[in-house]
Protein backbone atom coordinates (compact mmCIF):
# COMPACT_ATOMS: atom_id res chain seq x y z
CA MET A 1 -9.01 -43.88 -31.74
CA ARG A 2 -9.59 -47.42 -32.95
CA VAL A 3 -6.95 -50.08 -33.56
CA PHE A 4 -7.24 -53.59 -34.94
CA LYS A 5 -5.78 -57.04 -34.21
CA ILE A 6 -6.33 -60.52 -35.63
CA ARG A 7 -7.13 -63.04 -32.88
CA ARG A 8 -7.20 -66.82 -33.19
CA ILE A 9 -10.43 -67.87 -31.49
CA ALA A 10 -9.20 -71.27 -30.28
CA ASP A 11 -6.49 -69.95 -27.96
CA GLY A 12 -6.93 -66.16 -27.88
CA LEU A 13 -3.49 -65.47 -29.37
CA TYR A 14 -2.88 -62.61 -31.81
CA SER A 15 -1.27 -62.57 -35.25
CA THR A 16 2.19 -61.07 -35.53
CA GLY A 17 1.53 -59.98 -39.13
CA GLY A 18 4.10 -60.21 -41.89
CA THR A 19 4.24 -62.66 -44.78
CA CYS A 20 4.38 -65.74 -42.54
CA PRO A 21 2.47 -64.75 -39.40
CA SER A 22 2.79 -66.55 -36.11
CA PHE A 23 0.64 -66.01 -33.02
CA ASN A 24 1.51 -64.79 -29.53
CA LYS A 25 -0.15 -63.01 -26.61
CA HIS A 26 0.63 -59.49 -27.88
CA GLY A 27 0.59 -59.72 -31.68
CA LYS A 28 0.61 -56.82 -34.08
CA THR A 29 -1.68 -53.80 -33.91
CA TRP A 30 -2.91 -52.22 -37.14
CA ASN A 31 -3.95 -48.56 -36.99
CA THR A 32 -6.56 -48.57 -39.77
CA VAL A 33 -8.97 -50.98 -41.42
CA ALA A 34 -7.12 -50.36 -44.70
CA HIS A 35 -3.84 -51.56 -43.17
CA ILE A 36 -5.33 -54.81 -41.90
CA LYS A 37 -7.08 -55.37 -45.25
CA ASN A 38 -3.76 -54.86 -47.04
CA HIS A 39 -2.20 -57.46 -44.76
CA LEU A 40 -4.96 -59.96 -45.51
CA ASN A 41 -4.61 -59.24 -49.24
CA LEU A 42 -1.03 -60.58 -49.06
CA PHE A 43 -2.56 -64.05 -48.94
CA LYS A 44 -5.03 -63.72 -51.81
CA PRO A 45 -4.43 -66.09 -54.74
CA GLN A 46 -4.31 -63.34 -57.38
CA PHE A 47 -1.13 -62.00 -55.76
CA LYS A 48 0.53 -65.33 -55.02
CA GLY A 49 -0.52 -67.29 -58.11
CA ASP A 50 -1.64 -70.32 -56.09
CA ASP A 51 -4.44 -71.43 -53.78
CA ASP A 52 -5.88 -69.00 -51.26
CA THR A 53 -3.44 -69.15 -48.34
CA THR A 54 -5.55 -66.89 -46.12
CA ALA A 55 -7.23 -70.07 -44.94
CA ILE A 56 -3.89 -71.57 -43.89
CA PHE A 57 -3.00 -68.71 -41.56
CA TYR A 58 -6.35 -67.24 -40.58
CA THR A 59 -8.93 -70.04 -40.42
CA GLY A 60 -10.70 -69.70 -37.09
CA CYS A 61 -9.61 -66.10 -36.60
CA GLU A 62 -11.46 -62.86 -36.08
CA ILE A 63 -10.63 -59.16 -36.33
CA VAL A 64 -10.84 -57.47 -32.94
CA VAL A 65 -11.46 -53.71 -32.76
CA TYR A 66 -10.12 -51.83 -29.73
CA GLU A 67 -11.08 -48.32 -28.75
CA LEU A 68 -8.20 -46.35 -27.28
CA THR A 69 -8.80 -43.26 -25.21
CA MET A 70 -6.34 -40.58 -24.23
CA ALA A 71 -6.12 -39.57 -20.61
CA GLU A 72 -3.62 -37.22 -19.03
CA VAL A 73 -1.73 -39.22 -16.42
CA GLU A 74 1.30 -37.05 -15.68
CA THR A 75 3.05 -33.80 -16.61
CA LEU A 76 6.81 -33.41 -16.90
CA ASN A 77 8.95 -30.30 -16.85
CA VAL A 78 10.39 -29.49 -20.29
CA VAL A 79 13.73 -28.28 -18.94
């Protein structure tokens, strides 16, 4: 399974998402490419009616793709 994060290259911090994203060491994880594209579309000028604000929040950033694998680590009794 792949997940996605937006990382600021300068300091390695991750976007927290939302309409006014900040950056921290954990950030937000998006489960699909479509979800992260929808987030980035929040800042497109056709939706906001002003200049492209993607540059304000995400200049110098990159999308990082992580591959998650499932591994059985423990079993628990149901009862």
